[in-house]
Structure formats: C-alpha cells, structure tokens
Amino acid sequence: MNLDTLRFPPYELPASLAPLRAEVREFLKTELGAYRPVVRSNTWDGTDAAFSRSSVPVAGWA
C-alpha cells in the first residue's frame, strides 16, 4: 500500500462529542503520563495487553 494515496478528508467532530473527547484526553494523560514519548509512540506497531485489560474497561469504554 502506498501511504501517499491514503488520504482522508478533514472532518469536524460533532460538538456533542466534546465532553467525551476531553474525558478521553484526560484519561490518557493520567494513565500514560509516566510513559516516555518514545515508549508511547511504540503503540503504532505494538500493544499493551495489561493496559487494554485493566485501564480501558475501568473507564467504561470497552
């Protein structure tokens, strides 16, 4: 796949999602704040099963 051809048109989220977006951002800041940026960037090609099993469900998103 050529990533140069993978384009998405700009999209404005509905205003009704602003509170959820703020909640998710705060959650990630709290949960992942201690991770160094290079470790956080590894999620592009890796996973953290413990995080997925514990933190996300507790937040009510899974």
C-alpha atoms as a PDB file:
ATOM      1  CA  MET A   1       0.000   0.000   0.000  1.00  0.00           C
ATOM      2  CA  ASN A   2       1.261   3.421  -0.907  1.00  0.00           C
ATOM      3  CA  LEU A   3       0.637   5.720   2.053  1.00  0.00           C
ATOM      4  CA  ASP A   4       0.754   8.768  -0.212  1.00  0.00           C
ATOM      5  CA  THR A   5      -2.596   7.710  -1.663  1.00  0.00           C
ATOM      6  CA  LEU A   6      -4.195   7.115   1.733  1.00  0.00           C
ATOM      7  CA  ARG A   7      -5.982  10.389   2.340  1.00  0.00           C
ATOM      8  CA  PHE A   8      -8.983  11.279   4.442  1.00  0.00           C
ATOM      9  CA  PRO A   9     -10.946  14.481   4.018  1.00  0.00           C
ATOM     10  CA  PRO A  10     -10.968  16.836   7.003  1.00  0.00           C
ATOM     11  CA  TYR A  11     -13.772  16.042   9.397  1.00  0.00           C
ATOM     12  CA  GLU A  12     -15.210  18.159  12.165  1.00  0.00           C
ATOM     13  CA  LEU A  13     -16.464  16.160  15.145  1.00  0.00           C
ATOM     14  CA  PRO A  14     -19.968  16.972  16.330  1.00  0.00           C
ATOM     15  CA  ALA A  15     -19.995  19.391  19.260  1.00  0.00           C
ATOM     16  CA  SER A  16     -21.829  16.774  21.315  1.00  0.00           C
ATOM     17  CA  LEU A  17     -18.609  14.696  21.393  1.00  0.00           C
ATOM     18  CA  ALA A  18     -16.509  17.438  23.003  1.00  0.00           C
ATOM     19  CA  PRO A  19     -17.097  16.174  26.576  1.00  0.00           C
ATOM     20  CA  LEU A  20     -16.154  12.607  25.626  1.00  0.00           C
ATOM     21  CA  ARG A  21     -13.055  13.830  23.798  1.00  0.00           C
ATOM     22  CA  ALA A  22     -11.981  15.825  26.858  1.00  0.00           C
ATOM     23  CA  GLU A  23     -12.612  12.796  29.090  1.00  0.00           C
ATOM     24  CA  VAL A  24     -10.504  10.532  26.858  1.00  0.00           C
ATOM     25  CA  ARG A  25      -7.672  13.058  26.672  1.00  0.00           C
ATOM     26  CA  GLU A  26      -7.613  13.428  30.466  1.00  0.00           C
ATOM     27  CA  PHE A  27      -7.712   9.646  30.888  1.00  0.00           C
ATOM     28  CA  LEU A  28      -4.749   9.170  28.547  1.00  0.00           C
ATOM     29  CA  LYS A  29      -2.817  11.982  30.188  1.00  0.00           C
ATOM     30  CA  THR A  30      -3.331  10.376  33.594  1.00  0.00           C
ATOM     31  CA  GLU A  31      -2.777   6.758  32.534  1.00  0.00           C
ATOM     32  CA  LEU A  32       0.111   7.291  30.138  1.00  0.00           C
ATOM     33  CA  GLY A  33       1.721  10.375  31.614  1.00  0.00           C
ATOM     34  CA  ALA A  34       4.604   8.417  33.143  1.00  0.00           C
ATOM     35  CA  TYR A  35       5.468   6.763  29.819  1.00  0.00           C
ATOM     36  CA  ARG A  36       8.284   8.414  27.887  1.00  0.00           C
ATOM     37  CA  PRO A  37       7.227   9.717  24.442  1.00  0.00           C
ATOM     38  CA  VAL A  38       9.305   7.079  22.662  1.00  0.00           C
ATOM     39  CA  VAL A  39       7.500   4.325  24.586  1.00  0.00           C
ATOM     40  CA  ARG A  40       4.098   5.853  23.819  1.00  0.00           C
ATOM     41  CA  SER A  41       4.993   6.031  20.131  1.00  0.00           C
ATOM     42  CA  ASN A  42       5.564   2.269  20.085  1.00  0.00           C
ATOM     43  CA  THR A  43       1.801   1.781  20.188  1.00  0.00           C
ATOM     44  CA  TRP A  44       1.778   2.356  16.437  1.00  0.00           C
ATOM     45  CA  ASP A  45       3.097  -1.159  15.966  1.00  0.00           C
ATOM     46  CA  GLY A  46       2.627  -2.779  19.354  1.00  0.00           C
ATOM     47  CA  THR A  47       0.141  -3.280  22.126  1.00  0.00           C
ATOM     48  CA  ASP A  48      -0.037  -3.181  25.894  1.00  0.00           C
ATOM     49  CA  ALA A  49      -2.360  -6.018  26.872  1.00  0.00           C
ATOM     50  CA  ALA A  50      -2.342  -5.084  30.553  1.00  0.00           C
ATOM     51  CA  PHE A  51      -3.478  -1.546  29.752  1.00  0.00           C
ATOM     52  CA  SER A  52      -6.200  -2.840  27.433  1.00  0.00           C
ATOM     53  CA  ARG A  53      -7.466  -5.320  30.019  1.00  0.00           C
ATOM     54  CA  SER A  54      -7.363  -3.122  33.085  1.00  0.00           C
ATOM     55  CA  SER A  55      -7.482   0.616  32.467  1.00  0.00           C
ATOM     56  CA  VAL A  56      -9.750   0.907  29.441  1.00  0.00           C
ATOM     57  CA  PRO A  57     -12.603  -1.270  30.763  1.00  0.00           C
ATOM     58  CA  VAL A  58     -12.498   0.522  34.117  1.00  0.00           C
ATOM     59  CA  ALA A  59     -13.046   3.779  32.253  1.00  0.00           C
ATOM     60  CA  GLY A  60     -16.148   2.235  30.702  1.00  0.00           C
ATOM     61  CA  TRP A  61     -15.049   2.303  27.078  1.00  0.00           C
ATOM     62  CA  ALA A  62     -14.793  -1.438  26.447  1.00  0.00           C
END
